[in-house]
Amino acid sequence: MSVKLTVLEVFLLEIVVWLGFWLLNDYMATLLTFIIVAIVSSVLIIALISEWIERSKVTRYYFQIMAVSVAAPLVAGALYVLLFGELSWFKQG
């Protein structure tokens, strides 16, 4: 039995997980957001360039999920800052 989630469902699941990270420890979530976004966007760009050079059997779903995986941590971080106003580790003193 195989369950294939839609791109929207994957996005919402990732938002929930990332918001959990942000609520637990916003400093660690900030670091993970920068690291994960950098890595996944680099892989996505390289995959798109290689797909542009020579077509493969990689489905469009893969590229959509990769794009969602770049957007979800950024959206979760923006929601956290919007709701709480600031980052606790960013305060002076």
N, C-alpha and C. Protein backbone atom coordinates (compact mmCIF):
# COMPACT_ATOMS: atom_id res chain seq x y z
N MET A 1 0.84 -1.17 0.00
CA MET A 1 0.00 0.00 0.00
C MET A 1 0.89 1.24 0.00
N SER A 2 0.74 2.05 -1.00
CA SER A 2 1.55 3.25 -1.16
C SER A 2 0.65 4.48 -1.09
N VAL A 3 1.05 5.42 -0.25
CA VAL A 3 0.30 6.66 -0.12
C VAL A 3 1.15 7.78 -0.69
N LYS A 4 0.64 8.43 -1.71
CA LYS A 4 1.36 9.55 -2.31
C LYS A 4 0.69 10.85 -1.86
N LEU A 5 1.45 11.63 -1.13
CA LEU A 5 0.93 12.90 -0.64
C LEU A 5 0.99 13.95 -1.74
N THR A 6 0.05 14.87 -1.71
CA THR A 6 0.10 15.98 -2.65
C THR A 6 1.16 16.97 -2.17
N VAL A 7 1.52 17.88 -3.03
CA VAL A 7 2.54 18.87 -2.71
C VAL A 7 2.05 19.77 -1.57
N LEU A 8 0.78 20.11 -1.56
CA LEU A 8 0.23 20.94 -0.50
C LEU A 8 0.28 20.23 0.85
N GLU A 9 -0.02 18.93 0.86
CA GLU A 9 0.05 18.16 2.10
C GLU A 9 1.48 18.09 2.63
N VAL A 10 2.43 17.90 1.75
CA VAL A 10 3.84 17.87 2.16
C VAL A 10 4.25 19.22 2.71
N PHE A 11 3.81 20.28 2.06
CA PHE A 11 4.12 21.63 2.53
C PHE A 11 3.56 21.87 3.92
N LEU A 12 2.32 21.50 4.15
CA LEU A 12 1.69 21.70 5.46
C LEU A 12 2.37 20.85 6.54
N LEU A 13 2.74 19.61 6.21
CA LEU A 13 3.45 18.77 7.16
C LEU A 13 4.81 19.37 7.52
N GLU A 14 5.51 19.86 6.53
CA GLU A 14 6.81 20.48 6.79
C GLU A 14 6.66 21.74 7.62
N ILE A 15 5.64 22.53 7.37
CA ILE A 15 5.39 23.73 8.17
C ILE A 15 5.17 23.35 9.63
N VAL A 16 4.38 22.31 9.88
CA VAL A 16 4.12 21.87 11.25
C VAL A 16 5.41 21.45 11.94
N VAL A 17 6.23 20.65 11.26
CA VAL A 17 7.49 20.20 11.84
C VAL A 17 8.42 21.38 12.10
N TRP A 18 8.55 22.27 11.14
CA TRP A 18 9.43 23.42 11.31
C TRP A 18 8.94 24.35 12.41
N LEU A 19 7.63 24.55 12.52
CA LEU A 19 7.12 25.38 13.61
C LEU A 19 7.40 24.73 14.96
N GLY A 20 7.38 23.41 15.00
CA GLY A 20 7.76 22.71 16.22
C GLY A 20 9.21 22.99 16.59
N PHE A 21 10.10 22.96 15.60
CA PHE A 21 11.51 23.31 15.85
C PHE A 21 11.62 24.73 16.37
N TRP A 22 10.90 25.64 15.71
CA TRP A 22 10.97 27.05 16.10
C TRP A 22 10.45 27.26 17.51
N LEU A 23 9.41 26.55 17.89
CA LEU A 23 8.85 26.71 19.24
C LEU A 23 9.76 26.10 20.31
N LEU A 24 10.44 25.01 19.98
CA LEU A 24 11.34 24.38 20.94
C LEU A 24 12.60 25.20 21.20
N ASN A 25 13.24 25.63 20.12
CA ASN A 25 14.51 26.34 20.26
C ASN A 25 14.71 27.21 19.01
N ASP A 26 14.45 28.50 19.14
CA ASP A 26 14.53 29.35 17.95
C ASP A 26 15.96 29.57 17.45
N TYR A 27 16.94 29.46 18.32
CA TYR A 27 18.33 29.58 17.87
C TYR A 27 18.72 28.41 16.97
N MET A 28 18.43 27.19 17.44
CA MET A 28 18.73 26.00 16.64
C MET A 28 17.91 25.99 15.34
N ALA A 29 16.68 26.42 15.44
CA ALA A 29 15.82 26.47 14.25
C ALA A 29 16.36 27.47 13.22
N THR A 30 16.90 28.59 13.70
CA THR A 30 17.50 29.56 12.78
C THR A 30 18.69 28.95 12.05
N LEU A 31 19.56 28.29 12.81
CA LEU A 31 20.72 27.65 12.17
C LEU A 31 20.30 26.57 11.18
N LEU A 32 19.36 25.71 11.62
CA LEU A 32 18.89 24.65 10.73
C LEU A 32 18.22 25.21 9.48
N THR A 33 17.47 26.29 9.64
CA THR A 33 16.81 26.90 8.49
C THR A 33 17.84 27.36 7.46
N PHE A 34 18.87 28.07 7.92
CA PHE A 34 19.89 28.54 6.98
C PHE A 34 20.62 27.37 6.32
N ILE A 35 20.96 26.36 7.10
CA ILE A 35 21.70 25.22 6.57
C ILE A 35 20.86 24.40 5.59
N ILE A 36 19.66 24.03 6.00
CA ILE A 36 18.80 23.20 5.16
C ILE A 36 18.41 23.92 3.87
N VAL A 37 18.06 25.20 3.98
CA VAL A 37 17.68 25.97 2.79
C VAL A 37 18.87 26.06 1.82
N ALA A 38 20.05 26.28 2.34
CA ALA A 38 21.23 26.36 1.47
C ALA A 38 21.50 25.03 0.77
N ILE A 39 21.43 23.94 1.51
CA ILE A 39 21.73 22.63 0.93
C ILE A 39 20.66 22.22 -0.08
N VAL A 40 19.39 22.32 0.31
CA VAL A 40 18.31 21.86 -0.58
C VAL A 40 18.21 22.74 -1.82
N SER A 41 18.40 24.05 -1.66
CA SER A 41 18.33 24.91 -2.84
C SER A 41 19.51 24.64 -3.78
N SER A 42 20.67 24.32 -3.23
CA SER A 42 21.82 23.97 -4.08
C SER A 42 21.56 22.68 -4.86
N VAL A 43 21.02 21.68 -4.17
CA VAL A 43 20.68 20.43 -4.85
C VAL A 43 19.62 20.67 -5.91
N LEU A 44 18.62 21.49 -5.60
CA LEU A 44 17.56 21.79 -6.57
C LEU A 44 18.12 22.49 -7.80
N ILE A 45 18.99 23.46 -7.59
CA ILE A 45 19.57 24.19 -8.73
C ILE A 45 20.41 23.26 -9.59
N ILE A 46 21.23 22.42 -8.96
CA ILE A 46 22.05 21.47 -9.73
C ILE A 46 21.17 20.48 -10.48
N ALA A 47 20.09 20.01 -9.85
CA ALA A 47 19.18 19.07 -10.52
C ALA A 47 18.47 19.74 -11.70
N LEU A 48 18.08 20.99 -11.53
CA LEU A 48 17.42 21.71 -12.64
C LEU A 48 18.38 21.94 -13.79
N ILE A 49 19.63 22.28 -13.48
CA ILE A 49 20.62 22.48 -14.54
C ILE A 49 20.89 21.18 -15.27
N SER A 50 21.04 20.09 -14.53
CA SER A 50 21.30 18.80 -15.19
C SER A 50 20.08 18.33 -15.99
N GLU A 51 18.90 18.65 -15.51
CA GLU A 51 17.68 18.32 -16.25
C GLU A 51 17.57 19.15 -17.52
N TRP A 52 18.02 20.38 -17.45
CA TRP A 52 18.00 21.26 -18.61
C TRP A 52 19.00 20.77 -19.67
N ILE A 53 20.15 20.28 -19.23
CA ILE A 53 21.16 19.79 -20.16
C ILE A 53 20.72 18.49 -20.81
N GLU A 54 20.26 17.57 -20.00
CA GLU A 54 19.82 16.28 -20.52
C GLU A 54 18.62 15.78 -19.72
N ARG A 55 17.55 15.53 -20.42
CA ARG A 55 16.33 15.06 -19.78
C ARG A 55 16.55 13.71 -19.11
N SER A 56 15.88 13.53 -17.96
CA SER A 56 15.93 12.26 -17.25
C SER A 56 14.51 11.81 -16.94
N LYS A 57 14.39 10.72 -16.21
CA LYS A 57 13.07 10.21 -15.88
C LYS A 57 12.58 10.72 -14.52
N VAL A 58 13.23 11.75 -14.01
CA VAL A 58 12.81 12.35 -12.75
C VAL A 58 11.50 13.09 -12.98
N THR A 59 10.55 12.82 -12.10
CA THR A 59 9.23 13.42 -12.29
C THR A 59 9.21 14.87 -11.81
N ARG A 60 8.19 15.57 -12.26
CA ARG A 60 7.99 16.95 -11.84
C ARG A 60 7.73 17.03 -10.34
N TYR A 61 7.15 15.99 -9.77
CA TYR A 61 6.84 15.92 -8.34
C TYR A 61 8.10 16.12 -7.49
N TYR A 62 9.22 15.55 -7.93
CA TYR A 62 10.49 15.70 -7.21
C TYR A 62 10.89 17.16 -7.10
N PHE A 63 10.81 17.88 -8.22
CA PHE A 63 11.20 19.28 -8.22
C PHE A 63 10.24 20.12 -7.38
N GLN A 64 8.97 19.78 -7.41
CA GLN A 64 8.00 20.51 -6.59
C GLN A 64 8.26 20.28 -5.10
N ILE A 65 8.55 19.05 -4.72
CA ILE A 65 8.84 18.75 -3.32
C ILE A 65 10.12 19.45 -2.87
N MET A 66 11.11 19.49 -3.73
CA MET A 66 12.35 20.20 -3.39
C MET A 66 12.08 21.69 -3.20
N ALA A 67 11.27 22.28 -4.06
CA ALA A 67 10.94 23.70 -3.93
C ALA A 67 10.16 23.96 -2.64
N VAL A 68 9.26 23.06 -2.31
CA VAL A 68 8.49 23.18 -1.06
C VAL A 68 9.43 23.04 0.14
N SER A 69 10.43 22.18 0.02
CA SER A 69 11.37 21.98 1.12
C SER A 69 12.28 23.19 1.32
N VAL A 70 12.41 24.02 0.32
CA VAL A 70 13.13 25.29 0.47
C VAL A 70 12.21 26.34 1.09
N ALA A 71 10.95 26.35 0.65
CA ALA A 71 10.02 27.39 1.10
C ALA A 71 9.50 27.16 2.52
N ALA A 72 9.29 25.92 2.92
CA ALA A 72 8.66 25.63 4.21
C ALA A 72 9.43 26.18 5.41
N PRO A 73 10.75 25.98 5.52
CA PRO A 73 11.45 26.55 6.67
C PRO A 73 11.42 28.08 6.69
N LEU A 74 11.47 28.68 5.53
CA LEU A 74 11.43 30.13 5.46
C LEU A 74 10.06 30.67 5.88
N VAL A 75 9.01 30.01 5.43
CA VAL A 75 7.65 30.41 5.82
C VAL A 75 7.44 30.19 7.31
N ALA A 76 7.91 29.06 7.84
CA ALA A 76 7.76 28.79 9.27
C ALA A 76 8.52 29.83 10.10
N GLY A 77 9.71 30.18 9.68
CA GLY A 77 10.47 31.21 10.39
C GLY A 77 9.77 32.56 10.34
N ALA A 78 9.22 32.90 9.18
CA ALA A 78 8.50 34.16 9.06
C ALA A 78 7.24 34.16 9.94
N LEU A 79 6.54 33.03 9.99
CA LEU A 79 5.36 32.93 10.86
C LEU A 79 5.75 33.07 12.32
N TYR A 80 6.84 32.46 12.72
CA TYR A 80 7.31 32.55 14.10
C TYR A 80 7.61 34.00 14.47
N VAL A 81 8.36 34.67 13.62
CA VAL A 81 8.71 36.07 13.90
C VAL A 81 7.46 36.94 13.86
N LEU A 82 6.54 36.66 12.97
CA LEU A 82 5.29 37.42 12.89
C LEU A 82 4.46 37.24 14.16
N LEU A 83 4.40 36.02 14.68
CA LEU A 83 3.59 35.74 15.87
C LEU A 83 4.25 36.22 17.16
N PHE A 84 5.56 36.02 17.29
CA PHE A 84 6.23 36.32 18.54
C PHE A 84 7.03 37.63 18.51
N GLY A 85 7.19 38.21 17.36
CA GLY A 85 7.79 39.53 17.26
C GLY A 85 9.30 39.59 17.21
N GLU A 86 9.98 38.66 17.85
CA GLU A 86 11.45 38.70 17.83
C GLU A 86 12.01 37.33 18.17
N LEU A 87 13.30 37.20 17.95
CA LEU A 87 13.99 35.97 18.29
C LEU A 87 14.61 36.13 19.67
N SER A 88 14.45 35.12 20.53
CA SER A 88 14.93 35.25 21.91
C SER A 88 16.45 35.37 21.98
N TRP A 89 17.18 34.76 21.10
CA TRP A 89 18.63 34.79 21.14
C TRP A 89 19.18 36.09 20.56
N PHE A 90 18.33 36.87 19.91
CA PHE A 90 18.76 38.09 19.24
C PHE A 90 18.72 39.31 20.17
N LYS A 91 18.17 39.15 21.35
CA LYS A 91 18.06 40.26 22.30
C LYS A 91 19.42 40.62 22.86
N GLN A 92 19.57 41.87 23.25
CA GLN A 92 20.78 42.33 23.91
C GLN A 92 20.65 42.04 25.41
N GLY A 93 21.71 41.49 25.98
CA GLY A 93 21.76 41.29 27.43
C GLY A 93 20.87 40.25 27.85
